[in-house]
Amino acid sequence: MLPATPEGSGPHMSMNIGEQVGEHRAAILLGLPTTEIRRYSRIAGVGHSETGDLDEQVVFTYEELRKICLVAAQSSK
């Protein structure tokens, strides 16, 4: 049996919760277009802009992605 996370919400993963995910990777993980990721992130009030070498993109923590999932699920009802 896999060890549970402190919240008891599932198996423990060796992932730093503070890690950030760019909007393109978030779109792949959530199966949504980047335009929808941006829209849901504005609704949820999560994410922040970071300027990279080539462009500016919105980045999220994994907790913020969870919140976007909840907003997306609510809007599909």
C-alpha atoms as a PDB file:
ATOM      1  CA  MET A   1       0.000   0.000   0.000  1.00  0.00           C
ATOM      2  CA  LEU A   2       1.242   3.479  -0.878  1.00  0.00           C
ATOM      3  CA  PRO A   3       1.672   6.026   1.918  1.00  0.00           C
ATOM      4  CA  ALA A   4      -1.022   8.693   2.028  1.00  0.00           C
ATOM      5  CA  THR A   5      -0.434  12.420   1.843  1.00  0.00           C
ATOM      6  CA  PRO A   6      -0.858  14.410   5.077  1.00  0.00           C
ATOM      7  CA  GLU A   7      -4.385  15.374   4.020  1.00  0.00           C
ATOM      8  CA  GLY A   8      -5.184  11.738   3.251  1.00  0.00           C
ATOM      9  CA  SER A   9      -6.094  12.699  -0.288  1.00  0.00           C
ATOM     10  CA  GLY A  10      -4.130  10.017  -2.098  1.00  0.00           C
ATOM     11  CA  PRO A  11      -0.745   8.423  -2.573  1.00  0.00           C
ATOM     12  CA  HIS A  12       2.332  10.376  -1.611  1.00  0.00           C
ATOM     13  CA  MET A  13       4.176  11.749  -4.627  1.00  0.00           C
ATOM     14  CA  SER A  14       7.690  13.139  -4.619  1.00  0.00           C
ATOM     15  CA  MET A  15       6.497  16.416  -6.092  1.00  0.00           C
ATOM     16  CA  ASN A  16       7.264  19.805  -4.641  1.00  0.00           C
ATOM     17  CA  ILE A  17       3.862  21.462  -4.233  1.00  0.00           C
ATOM     18  CA  GLY A  18       5.501  24.846  -4.865  1.00  0.00           C
ATOM     19  CA  GLU A  19       6.579  23.869  -8.361  1.00  0.00           C
ATOM     20  CA  GLN A  20       5.186  26.024 -11.123  1.00  0.00           C
ATOM     21  CA  VAL A  21       3.638  24.889 -14.388  1.00  0.00           C
ATOM     22  CA  GLY A  22       3.478  27.078 -17.484  1.00  0.00           C
ATOM     23  CA  GLU A  23       0.154  27.606 -19.232  1.00  0.00           C
ATOM     24  CA  HIS A  24       1.107  25.364 -22.153  1.00  0.00           C
ATOM     25  CA  ARG A  25       1.948  22.442 -19.878  1.00  0.00           C
ATOM     26  CA  ALA A  26      -1.175  23.169 -17.814  1.00  0.00           C
ATOM     27  CA  ALA A  27      -3.265  22.952 -20.979  1.00  0.00           C
ATOM     28  CA  ILE A  28      -1.793  19.537 -21.751  1.00  0.00           C
ATOM     29  CA  LEU A  29      -2.262  18.277 -18.194  1.00  0.00           C
ATOM     30  CA  LEU A  30      -5.882  19.446 -18.026  1.00  0.00           C
ATOM     31  CA  GLY A  31      -6.780  18.678 -21.641  1.00  0.00           C
ATOM     32  CA  LEU A  32      -7.949  22.224 -22.312  1.00  0.00           C
ATOM     33  CA  PRO A  33      -6.825  24.857 -24.818  1.00  0.00           C
ATOM     34  CA  THR A  34      -4.601  27.609 -23.403  1.00  0.00           C
ATOM     35  CA  THR A  35      -7.370  30.161 -24.042  1.00  0.00           C
ATOM     36  CA  GLU A  36      -9.657  28.188 -21.715  1.00  0.00           C
ATOM     37  CA  ILE A  37      -6.876  27.838 -19.120  1.00  0.00           C
ATOM     38  CA  ARG A  38      -6.480  31.626 -19.090  1.00  0.00           C
ATOM     39  CA  ARG A  39     -10.237  32.189 -18.878  1.00  0.00           C
ATOM     40  CA  TYR A  40     -10.695  29.763 -15.981  1.00  0.00           C
ATOM     41  CA  SER A  41      -7.627  31.149 -14.212  1.00  0.00           C
ATOM     42  CA  ARG A  42      -9.123  34.659 -14.332  1.00  0.00           C
ATOM     43  CA  ILE A  43     -12.417  33.330 -12.947  1.00  0.00           C
ATOM     44  CA  ALA A  44     -10.611  31.453 -10.153  1.00  0.00           C
ATOM     45  CA  GLY A  45      -8.213  34.343  -9.513  1.00  0.00           C
ATOM     46  CA  VAL A  46      -5.121  32.149  -9.782  1.00  0.00           C
ATOM     47  CA  GLY A  47      -1.854  32.192 -11.718  1.00  0.00           C
ATOM     48  CA  HIS A  48       0.588  34.964 -12.400  1.00  0.00           C
ATOM     49  CA  SER A  49       2.536  36.238 -15.394  1.00  0.00           C
ATOM     50  CA  GLU A  50       6.223  35.544 -15.842  1.00  0.00           C
ATOM     51  CA  THR A  51       8.392  36.902 -18.599  1.00  0.00           C
ATOM     52  CA  GLY A  52      10.721  34.351 -20.135  1.00  0.00           C
ATOM     53  CA  ASP A  53      13.447  34.629 -22.747  1.00  0.00           C
ATOM     54  CA  LEU A  54      11.012  34.554 -25.671  1.00  0.00           C
ATOM     55  CA  ASP A  55       7.574  35.439 -24.336  1.00  0.00           C
ATOM     56  CA  GLU A  56       5.336  36.066 -21.373  1.00  0.00           C
ATOM     57  CA  GLN A  57       3.176  33.285 -20.028  1.00  0.00           C
ATOM     58  CA  VAL A  58       0.905  32.576 -17.095  1.00  0.00           C
ATOM     59  CA  VAL A  59       2.263  30.065 -14.572  1.00  0.00           C
ATOM     60  CA  PHE A  60       0.425  28.064 -11.922  1.00  0.00           C
ATOM     61  CA  THR A  61       1.177  25.938  -8.898  1.00  0.00           C
ATOM     62  CA  TYR A  62      -0.365  22.476  -8.747  1.00  0.00           C
ATOM     63  CA  GLU A  63      -2.831  23.747  -6.147  1.00  0.00           C
ATOM     64  CA  GLU A  64      -3.889  26.482  -8.568  1.00  0.00           C
ATOM     65  CA  LEU A  65      -4.402  23.869 -11.291  1.00  0.00           C
ATOM     66  CA  ARG A  66      -6.693  22.007  -8.912  1.00  0.00           C
ATOM     67  CA  LYS A  67      -8.738  25.175  -8.454  1.00  0.00           C
ATOM     68  CA  ILE A  68      -8.952  25.624 -12.234  1.00  0.00           C
ATOM     69  CA  CYS A  69     -10.244  22.044 -12.511  1.00  0.00           C
ATOM     70  CA  LEU A  70     -12.955  22.810  -9.973  1.00  0.00           C
ATOM     71  CA  VAL A  71     -14.025  25.957 -11.866  1.00  0.00           C
ATOM     72  CA  ALA A  72     -14.020  24.107 -15.192  1.00  0.00           C
ATOM     73  CA  ALA A  73     -16.102  21.280 -13.717  1.00  0.00           C
ATOM     74  CA  GLN A  74     -18.629  23.724 -12.277  1.00  0.00           C
ATOM     75  CA  SER A  75     -18.985  25.584 -15.590  1.00  0.00           C
ATOM     76  CA  SER A  76     -19.686  22.354 -17.485  1.00  0.00           C
ATOM     77  CA  LYS A  77     -22.844  21.621 -15.464  1.00  0.00           C
END
